[in-house]
Structures are given as C-alpha cells and as structure tokens.
Amino acid sequence: MQALRFLVILSALAVVTSAGAQVPEIFRDADLPLGEKLIRESQCNACHGRKVGGDGSAIYRPAGRINTPGALRGMVDMCSTELKLGLFPEESTAVAAVLNRDHYRFGLGPKPSARP
C-alpha cells in the first residue's frame, strides 16, 4: 500500500512539474534533430567563437537583448541573412528551438543539472 501511495504522489508531482515547463508556441512543432544538424553544418559555434572568443557559447546571454522566443527566432533569421545561409522559415525555427532548449530556456525552466 505504501508503494502505491508513493507512486501516486510521484505521478502527481511529475504532472505538476511538467505543466510549469512548456515549450513556447513558436517552437512547439520544431524539428530539433534538423536544428542540431543545421547548427553543426553552418558552423555556428565557430562563427560565434570568432565574435566573442572561446567556444562561442558566451554569445548566448539570456538576460541580454534576446529576451523572448520571437527575438531568438529573429536573431537566427538575421544570422541566416547576414551569412547568406538561405534558411527556410522552418529551418530557422528548428535552429532557434535548439538554442532555446540548450541555452535560453524560454518557457522551460532552469536547465537540469548533470548528475554525478
């Protein structure tokens, strides 16, 4: 009986936790594997590294000027235009969704910490 009670409480906690973390509407149907592939092929991190140094990840500053999912999507469009990548709208959305998942976390809550 204790085990059943524990499972019910654990299930309720999972529902409450997942309800608070929702993918923004703009990224809901994004193709994450496509976004990951495009980031790799377009060498985004190398370009960002040239701009800000290191591995380029310092460019992702959630408290900076990118403060909404739409602004993030717009920045990906700007990079695509500036670098003549020619990304289609769904490709820009896929890239922005990966950046949101990995760096910005709009609507997702804090990034889970790595377990030891």
C-alpha atoms as a PDB file:
ATOM      1  CA  MET A   1       0.000   0.000   0.000  1.00  0.00           C
ATOM      2  CA  GLN A   2       2.868   2.377   0.798  1.00  0.00           C
ATOM      3  CA  ALA A   3       4.394   1.697  -2.608  1.00  0.00           C
ATOM      4  CA  LEU A   4       1.108   2.524  -4.347  1.00  0.00           C
ATOM      5  CA  ARG A   5       0.769   5.749  -2.360  1.00  0.00           C
ATOM      6  CA  PHE A   6       4.338   6.691  -3.275  1.00  0.00           C
ATOM      7  CA  LEU A   7       3.655   6.073  -6.982  1.00  0.00           C
ATOM      8  CA  VAL A   8       0.502   8.214  -6.900  1.00  0.00           C
ATOM      9  CA  ILE A   9       2.376  11.090  -5.246  1.00  0.00           C
ATOM     10  CA  LEU A  10       5.280  10.734  -7.661  1.00  0.00           C
ATOM     11  CA  SER A  11       2.922  10.774 -10.656  1.00  0.00           C
ATOM     12  CA  ALA A  12       1.118  13.871  -9.377  1.00  0.00           C
ATOM     13  CA  LEU A  13       4.438  15.625  -8.862  1.00  0.00           C
ATOM     14  CA  ALA A  14       5.516  14.786 -12.423  1.00  0.00           C
ATOM     15  CA  VAL A  15       2.299  16.264 -13.836  1.00  0.00           C
ATOM     16  CA  VAL A  16       2.654  19.476 -11.816  1.00  0.00           C
ATOM     17  CA  THR A  17       6.325  19.826 -12.750  1.00  0.00           C
ATOM     18  CA  SER A  18       5.752  19.298 -16.461  1.00  0.00           C
ATOM     19  CA  ALA A  19       2.806  21.719 -16.500  1.00  0.00           C
ATOM     20  CA  GLY A  20       5.101  24.547 -15.399  1.00  0.00           C
ATOM     21  CA  ALA A  21       7.637  23.910 -18.146  1.00  0.00           C
ATOM     22  CA  GLN A  22       6.175  24.324 -21.599  1.00  0.00           C
ATOM     23  CA  VAL A  23       7.828  24.829 -24.930  1.00  0.00           C
ATOM     24  CA  PRO A  24       6.878  28.244 -26.341  1.00  0.00           C
ATOM     25  CA  GLU A  25       4.261  28.043 -29.087  1.00  0.00           C
ATOM     26  CA  ILE A  26       6.714  29.264 -31.745  1.00  0.00           C
ATOM     27  CA  PHE A  27       8.921  26.199 -31.087  1.00  0.00           C
ATOM     28  CA  ARG A  28       6.205  23.618 -30.413  1.00  0.00           C
ATOM     29  CA  ASP A  29       6.483  21.707 -33.721  1.00  0.00           C
ATOM     30  CA  ALA A  30      10.146  22.434 -34.384  1.00  0.00           C
ATOM     31  CA  ASP A  31      12.326  19.667 -35.783  1.00  0.00           C
ATOM     32  CA  LEU A  32      15.091  19.534 -33.154  1.00  0.00           C
ATOM     33  CA  PRO A  33      17.296  16.992 -34.979  1.00  0.00           C
ATOM     34  CA  LEU A  34      17.170  19.247 -38.060  1.00  0.00           C
ATOM     35  CA  GLY A  35      18.132  22.253 -35.927  1.00  0.00           C
ATOM     36  CA  GLU A  36      21.072  20.373 -34.424  1.00  0.00           C
ATOM     37  CA  LYS A  37      22.224  19.326 -37.910  1.00  0.00           C
ATOM     38  CA  LEU A  38      21.955  22.872 -39.277  1.00  0.00           C
ATOM     39  CA  ILE A  39      23.903  24.315 -36.323  1.00  0.00           C
ATOM     40  CA  ARG A  40      26.658  21.763 -36.946  1.00  0.00           C
ATOM     41  CA  GLU A  41      26.741  22.218 -40.733  1.00  0.00           C
ATOM     42  CA  SER A  42      26.574  26.020 -40.577  1.00  0.00           C
ATOM     43  CA  GLN A  43      29.410  26.076 -38.031  1.00  0.00           C
ATOM     44  CA  CYS A  44      27.525  28.499 -35.790  1.00  0.00           C
ATOM     45  CA  ASN A  45      29.841  27.892 -32.831  1.00  0.00           C
ATOM     46  CA  ALA A  46      32.959  28.649 -34.891  1.00  0.00           C
ATOM     47  CA  CYS A  47      31.478  31.966 -36.065  1.00  0.00           C
ATOM     48  CA  HIS A  48      30.375  32.848 -32.548  1.00  0.00           C
ATOM     49  CA  GLY A  49      33.849  31.924 -31.278  1.00  0.00           C
ATOM     50  CA  ARG A  50      35.380  34.433 -33.693  1.00  0.00           C
ATOM     51  CA  LYS A  51      32.976  37.103 -32.450  1.00  0.00           C
ATOM     52  CA  VAL A  52      33.186  36.529 -28.679  1.00  0.00           C
ATOM     53  CA  GLY A  53      36.143  34.186 -28.204  1.00  0.00           C
ATOM     54  CA  GLY A  54      36.400  30.777 -26.628  1.00  0.00           C
ATOM     55  CA  ASP A  55      33.958  28.141 -27.826  1.00  0.00           C
ATOM     56  CA  GLY A  56      31.414  30.795 -28.803  1.00  0.00           C
ATOM     57  CA  SER A  57      28.900  29.917 -26.108  1.00  0.00           C
ATOM     58  CA  ALA A  58      29.382  33.296 -24.402  1.00  0.00           C
ATOM     59  CA  ILE A  59      27.210  34.786 -27.137  1.00  0.00           C
ATOM     60  CA  TYR A  60      24.158  33.122 -25.563  1.00  0.00           C
ATOM     61  CA  ARG A  61      23.144  35.525 -22.825  1.00  0.00           C
ATOM     62  CA  PRO A  62      19.516  35.026 -21.824  1.00  0.00           C
ATOM     63  CA  ALA A  63      19.494  38.284 -19.843  1.00  0.00           C
ATOM     64  CA  GLY A  64      20.772  40.237 -22.847  1.00  0.00           C
ATOM     65  CA  ARG A  65      18.927  41.641 -25.805  1.00  0.00           C
ATOM     66  CA  ILE A  66      17.410  38.270 -26.737  1.00  0.00           C
ATOM     67  CA  ASN A  67      14.618  38.142 -24.167  1.00  0.00           C
ATOM     68  CA  THR A  68      11.706  36.460 -25.967  1.00  0.00           C
ATOM     69  CA  PRO A  69      11.280  33.373 -28.146  1.00  0.00           C
ATOM     70  CA  GLY A  70      10.377  35.643 -31.090  1.00  0.00           C
ATOM     71  CA  ALA A  71      13.542  37.698 -30.654  1.00  0.00           C
ATOM     72  CA  LEU A  72      15.591  34.494 -30.650  1.00  0.00           C
ATOM     73  CA  ARG A  73      13.911  33.322 -33.861  1.00  0.00           C
ATOM     74  CA  GLY A  74      14.554  36.763 -35.377  1.00  0.00           C
ATOM     75  CA  MET A  75      18.239  36.613 -34.468  1.00  0.00           C
ATOM     76  CA  VAL A  76      18.557  33.251 -36.228  1.00  0.00           C
ATOM     77  CA  ASP A  77      16.915  34.825 -39.298  1.00  0.00           C
ATOM     78  CA  MET A  78      19.384  37.705 -39.113  1.00  0.00           C
ATOM     79  CA  CYS A  79      22.356  35.321 -38.977  1.00  0.00           C
ATOM     80  CA  SER A  80      20.925  33.364 -41.901  1.00  0.00           C
ATOM     81  CA  THR A  81      20.579  36.540 -43.968  1.00  0.00           C
ATOM     82  CA  GLU A  82      23.926  38.024 -42.927  1.00  0.00           C
ATOM     83  CA  LEU A  83      25.805  34.829 -43.694  1.00  0.00           C
ATOM     84  CA  LYS A  84      23.736  34.004 -46.789  1.00  0.00           C
ATOM     85  CA  LEU A  85      22.733  30.623 -45.375  1.00  0.00           C
ATOM     86  CA  GLY A  86      19.339  30.733 -47.050  1.00  0.00           C
ATOM     87  CA  LEU A  87      17.475  29.001 -44.232  1.00  0.00           C
ATOM     88  CA  PHE A  88      13.792  28.358 -44.813  1.00  0.00           C
ATOM     89  CA  PRO A  89      11.424  29.564 -42.053  1.00  0.00           C
ATOM     90  CA  GLU A  90      11.000  26.066 -40.601  1.00  0.00           C
ATOM     91  CA  GLU A  91      14.789  25.660 -40.545  1.00  0.00           C
ATOM     92  CA  SER A  92      15.255  28.946 -38.663  1.00  0.00           C
ATOM     93  CA  THR A  93      12.609  27.817 -36.198  1.00  0.00           C
ATOM     94  CA  ALA A  94      14.373  24.471 -35.743  1.00  0.00           C
ATOM     95  CA  VAL A  95      17.712  26.187 -35.034  1.00  0.00           C
ATOM     96  CA  ALA A  96      16.083  28.655 -32.619  1.00  0.00           C
ATOM     97  CA  ALA A  97      14.294  25.815 -30.819  1.00  0.00           C
ATOM     98  CA  VAL A  98      17.608  24.022 -30.231  1.00  0.00           C
ATOM     99  CA  LEU A  99      19.202  27.241 -28.973  1.00  0.00           C
ATOM    100  CA  ASN A 100      16.232  27.744 -26.677  1.00  0.00           C
ATOM    101  CA  ARG A 101      16.476  24.190 -25.342  1.00  0.00           C
ATOM    102  CA  ASP A 102      20.234  24.364 -24.792  1.00  0.00           C
ATOM    103  CA  HIS A 103      20.817  27.991 -23.759  1.00  0.00           C
ATOM    104  CA  TYR A 104      17.887  30.369 -23.407  1.00  0.00           C
ATOM    105  CA  ARG A 105      15.245  28.118 -21.796  1.00  0.00           C
ATOM    106  CA  PHE A 106      12.206  30.365 -22.525  1.00  0.00           C
ATOM    107  CA  GLY A 107       9.231  28.555 -21.016  1.00  0.00           C
ATOM    108  CA  LEU A 108      11.328  25.553 -19.986  1.00  0.00           C
ATOM    109  CA  GLY A 109      12.574  26.493 -16.536  1.00  0.00           C
ATOM    110  CA  PRO A 110      16.171  26.074 -15.406  1.00  0.00           C
ATOM    111  CA  LYS A 111      18.425  23.652 -17.218  1.00  0.00           C
ATOM    112  CA  PRO A 112      18.626  20.287 -15.439  1.00  0.00           C
ATOM    113  CA  SER A 113      21.963  19.831 -13.751  1.00  0.00           C
ATOM    114  CA  ALA A 114      24.215  16.971 -14.695  1.00  0.00           C
ATOM    115  CA  ARG A 115      24.115  14.090 -12.284  1.00  0.00           C
ATOM    116  CA  PRO A 116      27.388  12.964 -10.701  1.00  0.00           C
END
